[in-house]
Amino acid sequence: MQRTFIASLLSAIALGKTTEEWRKRTVYQLLTDRFAKSDGSTDTCTDLHNYCGGTFKGIMDNLDYIQGMGFDAIWISPIPHNAEADYHGYGALDWEKVNEHFGTDDDLVNLIDACHARNIWVMLDVVANHTSYYANSDFSNVNPFNKPEHYHSKCDIDFSD
């Protein structure tokens, strides 16, 4: 199921729009976890270092708001399963699994379908150059890049030259 889902997303990318077409769009960037909760609550998040409850369904429920501001595209935060504290999406642990805090595979597909029904394009943020800070050189829990040889060695960068 997971590989099929990822494959369907990748095939959709192949049918994506051109750079010139994207230039004609007005893009609303949002952090999925911080944007809107599924239950519609607007309770203040008191622990900003962890997940606050925003979901794909929460975004879908607010498409009128986004479109009402004049946006015709959204750019959502990365979707892979992340380390527990990486609510922002930039700490991938499993590239083949959707972040369960944001919803299910079906929730993501439903969001994309709802956007497309309104002629709102969807851009997925992707960060392919790093994995979770919490992996800390133990890559056995990162899927599918679970071997040290998939990565460069940690090092300090010297900018003095």
Protein backbone atom coordinates (compact mmCIF):
# COMPACT_ATOMS: atom_id res chain seq x y z
CA MET A 1 0.00 0.00 0.00
CA GLN A 2 2.69 2.51 1.02
CA ARG A 3 4.85 1.92 -2.05
CA THR A 4 1.77 2.15 -4.29
CA PHE A 5 0.82 5.45 -2.68
CA ILE A 6 4.30 6.92 -3.11
CA ALA A 7 4.43 5.64 -6.70
CA SER A 8 1.10 7.35 -7.46
CA LEU A 9 2.43 10.62 -6.04
CA LEU A 10 5.58 10.35 -8.14
CA SER A 11 3.57 9.65 -11.28
CA ALA A 12 1.49 12.75 -10.55
CA ILE A 13 4.71 14.74 -10.33
CA ALA A 14 5.65 13.55 -13.80
CA LEU A 15 2.40 15.13 -15.03
CA GLY A 16 3.15 18.33 -13.14
CA LYS A 17 3.01 21.83 -14.47
CA THR A 18 5.85 23.74 -16.06
CA THR A 19 7.88 26.47 -14.41
CA GLU A 20 6.12 29.01 -16.61
CA GLU A 21 2.69 27.73 -15.53
CA TRP A 22 3.70 27.90 -11.84
CA ARG A 23 4.85 31.51 -12.29
CA LYS A 24 1.25 32.46 -13.04
CA ARG A 25 0.04 31.02 -9.72
CA THR A 26 -0.24 32.73 -6.36
CA VAL A 27 1.12 30.25 -3.81
CA TYR A 28 0.07 30.09 -0.16
CA GLN A 29 2.77 28.31 1.86
CA LEU A 30 1.70 26.67 5.07
CA LEU A 31 3.08 24.44 7.78
CA THR A 32 0.58 21.58 7.95
CA ASP A 33 0.87 21.06 11.71
CA ARG A 34 0.36 24.73 12.49
CA PHE A 35 -2.34 25.63 9.97
CA ALA A 36 -5.63 24.00 11.01
CA LYS A 37 -6.89 21.09 13.09
CA SER A 38 -9.38 18.52 11.78
CA ASP A 39 -11.90 19.28 14.50
CA GLY A 40 -11.90 23.01 13.69
CA SER A 41 -10.70 23.99 17.16
CA THR A 42 -8.53 27.05 17.46
CA ASP A 43 -7.07 26.21 20.85
CA THR A 44 -3.68 27.80 21.34
CA CYS A 45 -0.78 25.41 21.07
CA THR A 46 1.19 25.77 24.29
CA ASP A 47 4.15 23.52 23.43
CA LEU A 48 5.63 24.88 20.22
CA HIS A 49 8.43 22.30 20.28
CA ASN A 50 5.99 19.47 19.50
CA TYR A 51 3.02 18.73 17.26
CA CYS A 52 0.04 21.06 17.67
CA GLY A 53 -2.56 19.09 15.72
CA GLY A 54 -2.82 20.52 12.20
CA THR A 55 -3.86 17.98 9.56
CA PHE A 56 -4.53 17.49 5.85
CA LYS A 57 -8.26 17.52 6.66
CA GLY A 58 -7.79 20.79 8.52
CA ILE A 59 -6.28 22.31 5.38
CA MET A 60 -9.10 20.87 3.25
CA ASP A 61 -11.70 22.39 5.56
CA ASN A 62 -10.12 25.82 5.03
CA LEU A 63 -9.83 25.90 1.24
CA ASP A 64 -12.56 28.60 1.10
CA TYR A 65 -10.36 30.78 3.33
CA ILE A 66 -7.27 30.20 1.17
CA GLN A 67 -9.11 30.74 -2.08
CA GLY A 68 -10.92 33.77 -0.66
CA MET A 69 -7.56 35.47 -0.14
CA GLY A 70 -6.85 35.03 -3.85
CA PHE A 71 -4.50 32.03 -3.74
CA ASP A 72 -4.71 29.36 -6.43
CA ALA A 73 -1.93 27.07 -5.17
CA ILE A 74 -0.78 25.76 -1.80
CA TRP A 75 2.67 24.62 -0.73
CA ILE A 76 2.47 22.20 2.18
CA SER A 77 5.24 21.03 4.49
CA PRO A 78 6.99 17.70 3.86
CA ILE A 79 4.75 14.65 4.24
CA PRO A 80 7.07 11.73 5.24
CA HIS A 81 6.89 10.09 8.67
CA ASN A 82 9.16 12.14 10.92
CA ALA A 83 10.96 11.85 14.22
CA GLU A 84 8.53 12.65 17.00
CA ALA A 85 9.69 16.22 17.67
CA ASP A 86 9.96 17.19 13.99
CA TYR A 87 6.44 18.62 13.57
CA HIS A 88 7.71 20.82 10.70
CA GLY A 89 8.40 17.84 8.46
CA TYR A 90 12.14 18.33 8.05
CA GLY A 91 13.23 15.23 10.01
CA ALA A 92 12.25 12.33 7.77
CA LEU A 93 12.60 8.81 9.11
CA ASP A 94 10.45 6.93 6.58
CA TRP A 95 10.16 8.31 3.06
CA GLU A 96 7.59 5.63 2.15
CA LYS A 97 5.10 6.47 4.89
CA VAL A 98 2.92 9.55 5.36
CA ASN A 99 3.34 11.42 8.64
CA GLU A 100 0.53 9.98 10.76
CA HIS A 101 0.18 13.24 12.69
CA PHE A 102 -1.09 14.92 9.52
CA GLY A 103 -3.50 12.13 8.57
CA THR A 104 -3.64 9.06 6.39
CA ASP A 105 -2.68 8.40 2.77
CA ASP A 106 -6.37 8.80 1.91
CA ASP A 107 -6.55 12.14 3.76
CA LEU A 108 -3.69 13.46 1.64
CA VAL A 109 -5.28 12.19 -1.57
CA ASN A 110 -8.61 13.75 -0.52
CA LEU A 111 -6.88 17.09 0.10
CA ILE A 112 -5.23 17.02 -3.31
CA ASP A 113 -8.51 16.01 -5.00
CA ALA A 114 -10.40 18.79 -3.19
CA CYS A 115 -7.78 21.32 -4.25
CA HIS A 116 -7.82 20.19 -7.85
CA ALA A 117 -11.64 20.36 -7.91
CA ARG A 118 -11.22 24.09 -7.06
CA ASN A 119 -8.34 24.58 -9.52
CA ILE A 120 -5.94 24.98 -6.59
CA TRP A 121 -2.58 23.39 -7.33
CA VAL A 122 -0.64 21.56 -4.61
CA MET A 123 3.11 21.68 -4.10
CA LEU A 124 4.73 19.27 -1.66
CA ASP A 125 7.81 20.53 0.12
CA VAL A 126 10.62 17.98 -0.07
CA VAL A 127 13.90 18.00 1.82
CA ALA A 128 16.08 15.32 0.33
CA ASN A 129 19.44 16.46 1.69
CA HIS A 130 19.02 15.37 5.29
CA THR A 131 17.13 13.12 7.63
CA SER A 132 16.10 13.51 11.22
CA TYR A 133 18.64 15.06 13.56
CA TYR A 134 17.55 12.39 16.02
CA ALA A 135 18.93 9.62 13.78
CA ASN A 136 22.38 10.85 14.95
CA SER A 137 24.39 8.54 12.68
CA ASP A 138 22.24 5.50 13.57
CA PHE A 139 20.53 5.19 10.23
CA SER A 140 18.95 1.81 10.94
CA ASN A 141 15.62 3.52 11.67
CA VAL A 142 15.58 5.57 8.44
CA ASN A 143 13.70 4.00 5.53
CA PRO A 144 14.81 3.35 2.80
CA PHE A 145 18.17 5.09 3.34
CA ASN A 146 19.20 3.01 6.35
CA LYS A 147 22.93 2.52 5.82
CA PRO A 148 25.80 4.85 6.71
CA GLU A 149 27.14 4.64 3.15
CA HIS A 150 24.06 6.51 1.98
CA TYR A 151 25.38 9.61 3.76
CA HIS A 152 28.44 11.82 3.91
CA SER A 153 30.39 11.75 7.14
CA LYS A 154 29.53 14.38 9.73
CA CYS A 155 32.03 17.20 9.73
CA ASP A 156 32.45 20.82 10.61
CA ILE A 157 32.39 23.21 7.68
CA ASP A 158 35.16 25.78 7.67
CA PHE A 159 34.07 29.00 6.00
CA SER A 160 37.32 30.87 6.73
CA ASP A 161 38.85 30.46 3.26
